[in-house]
Amino acid sequence: MSRGGPNTATINGRPIAVGPRETLLQAARREGLAFPHGCRVGGCATCRCLLVEGRVRELTETASLLSDEELDRGVILACQAVPRGDVRVEVDAMSLVLVAAAFALSGWRGALFFTACAAWGKALLEIVNYMEHYGMVRDPATPVKPRRSERLLAAAANARSGLPGLLLQCAPRAGRP
């Protein structure tokens, strides 16, 4: 594991160099790889990929965007993952394949129609994600529980010791929708 120097990330079989503070997505974009992405801040999960080998440091909490099954399989967000040594990841390129198939079947009009439908679907997904994340759909009687987060557990420990904690600041208050 090299901590100070560049690491190697193998993305879908192609090795690229990743700087010490560079995310997998930043390195992939710098190298010109077609890597699906959206917000680049860990809010949309478009850049999800499978960590096959190695370890990463996550810049933000991803448990709210990824299911328990995805977390158990090793799915990470490339925009929030800084390698801690050499890593190997697999990226699903299904959306690129579908656009190519739409183009092959019906030309530019089909590809544009498919892309417009995908953008509409993505917009709806983002709205639902925002509503769930900020509690507009969540049942107020059900408490929000941290999942697999050392940062949230540390924030809870800090809150108990008298320091303002993220967990207490974000927790819903009784009687508030």
C-alpha atoms as a PDB file:
ATOM      1  CA  MET A   1       0.000   0.000   0.000  1.00  0.00           C
ATOM      2  CA  SER A   2       1.570   3.304  -1.049  1.00  0.00           C
ATOM      3  CA  ARG A   3       0.311   6.235   0.941  1.00  0.00           C
ATOM      4  CA  GLY A   4       2.213   9.206  -0.466  1.00  0.00           C
ATOM      5  CA  GLY A   5       2.715   8.401  -4.119  1.00  0.00           C
ATOM      6  CA  PRO A   6       0.328   7.654  -6.939  1.00  0.00           C
ATOM      7  CA  ASN A   7      -1.697   4.453  -6.901  1.00  0.00           C
ATOM      8  CA  THR A   8      -2.923   2.358  -9.782  1.00  0.00           C
ATOM      9  CA  ALA A   9      -6.623   1.858 -10.338  1.00  0.00           C
ATOM     10  CA  THR A  10      -7.665  -0.788 -12.831  1.00  0.00           C
ATOM     11  CA  ILE A  11     -11.069   0.242 -14.182  1.00  0.00           C
ATOM     12  CA  ASN A  12     -12.764  -2.401 -16.339  1.00  0.00           C
ATOM     13  CA  GLY A  13      -9.327  -3.874 -17.067  1.00  0.00           C
ATOM     14  CA  ARG A  14      -7.606  -0.584 -17.930  1.00  0.00           C
ATOM     15  CA  PRO A  15      -4.919   0.597 -15.477  1.00  0.00           C
ATOM     16  CA  ILE A  16      -4.689   4.316 -14.719  1.00  0.00           C
ATOM     17  CA  ALA A  17      -2.627   6.346 -12.260  1.00  0.00           C
ATOM     18  CA  VAL A  18      -4.489   7.954  -9.355  1.00  0.00           C
ATOM     19  CA  GLY A  19      -2.916  10.825  -7.404  1.00  0.00           C
ATOM     20  CA  PRO A  20      -2.685  10.733  -3.594  1.00  0.00           C
ATOM     21  CA  ARG A  21      -5.755  12.938  -3.050  1.00  0.00           C
ATOM     22  CA  GLU A  22      -7.568  12.173  -6.285  1.00  0.00           C
ATOM     23  CA  THR A  23     -10.859  10.278  -6.449  1.00  0.00           C
ATOM     24  CA  LEU A  24     -11.393   7.391  -8.831  1.00  0.00           C
ATOM     25  CA  LEU A  25     -13.802   9.514 -10.879  1.00  0.00           C
ATOM     26  CA  GLN A  26     -11.346  12.410 -11.174  1.00  0.00           C
ATOM     27  CA  ALA A  27      -8.608  10.060 -12.362  1.00  0.00           C
ATOM     28  CA  ALA A  28     -10.913   8.302 -14.821  1.00  0.00           C
ATOM     29  CA  ARG A  29     -12.068  11.602 -16.322  1.00  0.00           C
ATOM     30  CA  ARG A  30      -8.477  12.893 -16.527  1.00  0.00           C
ATOM     31  CA  GLU A  31      -7.546   9.732 -18.458  1.00  0.00           C
ATOM     32  CA  GLY A  32     -10.526  10.122 -20.802  1.00  0.00           C
ATOM     33  CA  LEU A  33     -12.413   7.025 -19.641  1.00  0.00           C
ATOM     34  CA  ALA A  34     -16.158   6.920 -20.245  1.00  0.00           C
ATOM     35  CA  PHE A  35     -17.278   6.784 -16.612  1.00  0.00           C
ATOM     36  CA  PRO A  36     -20.940   7.475 -15.789  1.00  0.00           C
ATOM     37  CA  HIS A  37     -21.286  10.412 -13.405  1.00  0.00           C
ATOM     38  CA  GLY A  38     -23.669  13.197 -12.484  1.00  0.00           C
ATOM     39  CA  CYS A  39     -23.214  15.475  -9.504  1.00  0.00           C
ATOM     40  CA  ARG A  40     -19.573  14.562  -8.593  1.00  0.00           C
ATOM     41  CA  VAL A  41     -20.315  15.207  -4.881  1.00  0.00           C
ATOM     42  CA  GLY A  42     -21.857  11.901  -3.801  1.00  0.00           C
ATOM     43  CA  GLY A  43     -25.483  12.919  -4.137  1.00  0.00           C
ATOM     44  CA  CYS A  44     -26.772  11.024  -7.171  1.00  0.00           C
ATOM     45  CA  ALA A  45     -24.989   7.630  -7.103  1.00  0.00           C
ATOM     46  CA  THR A  46     -24.586   7.653 -10.882  1.00  0.00           C
ATOM     47  CA  CYS A  47     -20.881   6.840 -10.486  1.00  0.00           C
ATOM     48  CA  ARG A  48     -21.477   3.679  -8.445  1.00  0.00           C
ATOM     49  CA  CYS A  49     -19.055   0.898  -9.232  1.00  0.00           C
ATOM     50  CA  LEU A  50     -17.940  -2.400  -7.739  1.00  0.00           C
ATOM     51  CA  LEU A  51     -14.714  -2.430  -5.715  1.00  0.00           C
ATOM     52  CA  VAL A  52     -13.316  -5.828  -6.673  1.00  0.00           C
ATOM     53  CA  GLU A  53      -9.930  -5.512  -5.012  1.00  0.00           C
ATOM     54  CA  GLY A  54      -8.187  -3.052  -2.685  1.00  0.00           C
ATOM     55  CA  ARG A  55      -9.395  -0.423  -0.235  1.00  0.00           C
ATOM     56  CA  VAL A  56     -10.632   3.151  -0.557  1.00  0.00           C
ATOM     57  CA  ARG A  57     -11.211   6.064   1.779  1.00  0.00           C
ATOM     58  CA  GLU A  58     -14.696   7.497   1.340  1.00  0.00           C
ATOM     59  CA  LEU A  59     -14.892  11.285   1.464  1.00  0.00           C
ATOM     60  CA  THR A  60     -18.560  11.328   2.498  1.00  0.00           C
ATOM     61  CA  GLU A  61     -21.116   8.925   3.916  1.00  0.00           C
ATOM     62  CA  THR A  62     -22.612   6.776   1.158  1.00  0.00           C
ATOM     63  CA  ALA A  63     -24.930   4.519   3.174  1.00  0.00           C
ATOM     64  CA  SER A  64     -27.909   6.797   2.495  1.00  0.00           C
ATOM     65  CA  LEU A  65     -27.534   6.273  -1.268  1.00  0.00           C
ATOM     66  CA  LEU A  66     -26.542   2.617  -1.403  1.00  0.00           C
ATOM     67  CA  SER A  67     -28.581  -0.315  -0.168  1.00  0.00           C
ATOM     68  CA  ASP A  68     -27.282  -2.772   2.417  1.00  0.00           C
ATOM     69  CA  GLU A  69     -26.926  -5.359  -0.347  1.00  0.00           C
ATOM     70  CA  GLU A  70     -24.807  -2.971  -2.441  1.00  0.00           C
ATOM     71  CA  LEU A  71     -22.633  -2.123   0.549  1.00  0.00           C
ATOM     72  CA  ASP A  72     -22.180  -5.826   1.326  1.00  0.00           C
ATOM     73  CA  ARG A  73     -21.153  -6.512  -2.305  1.00  0.00           C
ATOM     74  CA  GLY A  74     -18.562  -3.724  -2.213  1.00  0.00           C
ATOM     75  CA  VAL A  75     -20.316  -1.076  -4.303  1.00  0.00           C
ATOM     76  CA  ILE A  76     -18.737   2.370  -3.877  1.00  0.00           C
ATOM     77  CA  LEU A  77     -19.216   5.854  -5.320  1.00  0.00           C
ATOM     78  CA  ALA A  78     -16.236   6.684  -7.524  1.00  0.00           C
ATOM     79  CA  CYS A  79     -16.626  10.430  -6.932  1.00  0.00           C
ATOM     80  CA  GLN A  80     -16.146   9.892  -3.182  1.00  0.00           C
ATOM     81  CA  ALA A  81     -13.530   7.112  -3.237  1.00  0.00           C
ATOM     82  CA  VAL A  82      -9.816   7.869  -2.815  1.00  0.00           C
ATOM     83  CA  PRO A  83      -7.731   4.681  -3.195  1.00  0.00           C
ATOM     84  CA  ARG A  84      -5.626   3.504  -0.254  1.00  0.00           C
ATOM     85  CA  GLY A  85      -3.237   1.608  -2.497  1.00  0.00           C
ATOM     86  CA  ASP A  86      -3.839  -0.165  -5.773  1.00  0.00           C
ATOM     87  CA  VAL A  87      -7.485  -0.987  -6.522  1.00  0.00           C
ATOM     88  CA  ARG A  88      -9.513  -2.802  -9.135  1.00  0.00           C
ATOM     89  CA  VAL A  89     -13.070  -1.672  -9.941  1.00  0.00           C
ATOM     90  CA  GLU A  90     -15.747  -2.681 -12.416  1.00  0.00           C
ATOM     91  CA  VAL A  91     -18.117  -0.100 -13.901  1.00  0.00           C
ATOM     92  CA  ASP A  92     -21.451  -1.000 -15.458  1.00  0.00           C
ATOM     93  CA  ALA A  93     -21.536   0.596 -18.898  1.00  0.00           C
ATOM     94  CA  MET A  94     -25.108  -0.490 -19.629  1.00  0.00           C
ATOM     95  CA  SER A  95     -26.389   3.034 -20.331  1.00  0.00           C
ATOM     96  CA  LEU A  96     -23.760   3.535 -23.042  1.00  0.00           C
ATOM     97  CA  VAL A  97     -24.690   0.183 -24.583  1.00  0.00           C
ATOM     98  CA  LEU A  98     -28.387   1.130 -24.575  1.00  0.00           C
ATOM     99  CA  VAL A  99     -27.748   4.483 -26.277  1.00  0.00           C
ATOM    100  CA  ALA A 100     -25.619   2.727 -28.906  1.00  0.00           C
ATOM    101  CA  ALA A 101     -28.389   0.166 -29.433  1.00  0.00           C
ATOM    102  CA  ALA A 102     -31.003   2.926 -29.784  1.00  0.00           C
ATOM    103  CA  PHE A 103     -28.767   4.636 -32.353  1.00  0.00           C
ATOM    104  CA  ALA A 104     -28.201   1.393 -34.249  1.00  0.00           C
ATOM    105  CA  LEU A 105     -31.928   0.621 -34.359  1.00  0.00           C
ATOM    106  CA  SER A 106     -33.310   4.040 -35.236  1.00  0.00           C
ATOM    107  CA  GLY A 107     -30.520   6.521 -35.837  1.00  0.00           C
ATOM    108  CA  TRP A 108     -30.070   9.885 -34.149  1.00  0.00           C
ATOM    109  CA  ARG A 109     -33.771  10.357 -33.449  1.00  0.00           C
ATOM    110  CA  GLY A 110     -33.937   7.084 -31.507  1.00  0.00           C
ATOM    111  CA  ALA A 111     -30.753   7.864 -29.575  1.00  0.00           C
ATOM    112  CA  LEU A 112     -31.999  11.361 -28.726  1.00  0.00           C
ATOM    113  CA  PHE A 113     -35.420  10.044 -27.700  1.00  0.00           C
ATOM    114  CA  PHE A 114     -33.823   7.387 -25.494  1.00  0.00           C
ATOM    115  CA  THR A 115     -31.475   9.976 -23.952  1.00  0.00           C
ATOM    116  CA  ALA A 116     -34.378  12.361 -23.284  1.00  0.00           C
ATOM    117  CA  CYS A 117     -36.363   9.566 -21.599  1.00  0.00           C
ATOM    118  CA  ALA A 118     -33.319   8.623 -19.534  1.00  0.00           C
ATOM    119  CA  ALA A 119     -32.794  12.261 -18.488  1.00  0.00           C
ATOM    120  CA  TRP A 120     -36.469  12.521 -17.470  1.00  0.00           C
ATOM    121  CA  GLY A 121     -36.170   9.312 -15.453  1.00  0.00           C
ATOM    122  CA  LYS A 122     -32.967  10.561 -13.833  1.00  0.00           C
ATOM    123  CA  ALA A 123     -34.669  13.833 -12.880  1.00  0.00           C
ATOM    124  CA  LEU A 124     -37.549  11.946 -11.255  1.00  0.00           C
ATOM    125  CA  LEU A 125     -35.077   9.720  -9.423  1.00  0.00           C
ATOM    126  CA  GLU A 126     -33.229  12.778  -8.101  1.00  0.00           C
ATOM    127  CA  ILE A 127     -36.493  14.300  -6.839  1.00  0.00           C
ATOM    128  CA  VAL A 128     -37.417  11.098  -5.009  1.00  0.00           C
ATOM    129  CA  ASN A 129     -33.863  10.794  -3.644  1.00  0.00           C
ATOM    130  CA  TYR A 130     -34.026  14.381  -2.356  1.00  0.00           C
ATOM    131  CA  MET A 131     -37.417  13.791  -0.750  1.00  0.00           C
ATOM    132  CA  GLU A 132     -36.263  10.601   0.954  1.00  0.00           C
ATOM    133  CA  HIS A 133     -32.934  12.078   2.023  1.00  0.00           C
ATOM    134  CA  TYR A 134     -34.471  15.156   3.612  1.00  0.00           C
ATOM    135  CA  GLY A 135     -37.386  13.288   5.137  1.00  0.00           C
ATOM    136  CA  MET A 136     -40.290  14.517   3.070  1.00  0.00           C
ATOM    137  CA  VAL A 137     -41.490  10.946   2.466  1.00  0.00           C
ATOM    138  CA  ARG A 138     -40.048   9.214   5.530  1.00  0.00           C
ATOM    139  CA  ASP A 139     -42.418   8.148   8.289  1.00  0.00           C
ATOM    140  CA  PRO A 140     -41.812  10.605  11.170  1.00  0.00           C
ATOM    141  CA  ALA A 141     -42.435   7.843  13.739  1.00  0.00           C
ATOM    142  CA  THR A 142     -39.537   5.785  12.352  1.00  0.00           C
ATOM    143  CA  PRO A 143     -36.184   6.933  13.743  1.00  0.00           C
ATOM    144  CA  VAL A 144     -33.318   7.558  11.333  1.00  0.00           C
ATOM    145  CA  LYS A 145     -30.527   5.105  12.060  1.00  0.00           C
ATOM    146  CA  PRO A 146     -26.949   5.403  10.804  1.00  0.00           C
ATOM    147  CA  ARG A 147     -25.778   2.493   8.689  1.00  0.00           C
ATOM    148  CA  ARG A 148     -22.125   1.472   8.567  1.00  0.00           C
ATOM    149  CA  SER A 149     -20.811   4.889   9.305  1.00  0.00           C
ATOM    150  CA  GLU A 150     -17.818   5.474  11.505  1.00  0.00           C
ATOM    151  CA  ARG A 151     -18.268   9.223  10.997  1.00  0.00           C
ATOM    152  CA  LEU A 152     -21.850   9.222  12.256  1.00  0.00           C
ATOM    153  CA  LEU A 153     -20.931   7.067  15.239  1.00  0.00           C
ATOM    154  CA  ALA A 154     -18.069   9.460  16.041  1.00  0.00           C
ATOM    155  CA  ALA A 155     -20.482  12.408  15.717  1.00  0.00           C
ATOM    156  CA  ALA A 156     -22.850  10.702  18.158  1.00  0.00           C
ATOM    157  CA  ALA A 157     -19.977  10.176  20.604  1.00  0.00           C
ATOM    158  CA  ASN A 158     -19.005  13.853  20.271  1.00  0.00           C
ATOM    159  CA  ALA A 159     -22.622  14.890  20.859  1.00  0.00           C
ATOM    160  CA  ARG A 160     -22.714  12.875  24.066  1.00  0.00           C
ATOM    161  CA  SER A 161     -19.524  14.564  25.236  1.00  0.00           C
ATOM    162  CA  GLY A 162     -21.064  18.028  24.840  1.00  0.00           C
ATOM    163  CA  LEU A 163     -19.709  18.927  21.380  1.00  0.00           C
ATOM    164  CA  PRO A 164     -22.262  19.737  18.670  1.00  0.00           C
ATOM    165  CA  GLY A 165     -22.761  16.577  16.664  1.00  0.00           C
ATOM    166  CA  LEU A 166     -23.962  15.973  13.169  1.00  0.00           C
ATOM    167  CA  LEU A 167     -26.290  13.265  14.349  1.00  0.00           C
ATOM    168  CA  LEU A 168     -28.184  15.519  16.738  1.00  0.00           C
ATOM    169  CA  GLN A 169     -28.288  18.438  14.313  1.00  0.00           C
ATOM    170  CA  CYS A 170     -29.836  16.257  11.579  1.00  0.00           C
ATOM    171  CA  ALA A 171     -32.176  14.184  13.724  1.00  0.00           C
ATOM    172  CA  PRO A 172     -35.878  14.973  13.386  1.00  0.00           C
ATOM    173  CA  ARG A 173     -37.406  16.641  16.410  1.00  0.00           C
ATOM    174  CA  ALA A 174     -40.559  15.294  18.010  1.00  0.00           C
ATOM    175  CA  GLY A 175     -43.713  16.901  16.666  1.00  0.00           C
ATOM    176  CA  ARG A 176     -41.943  18.222  13.573  1.00  0.00           C
ATOM    177  CA  PRO A 177     -42.978  16.747  10.192  1.00  0.00           C
END
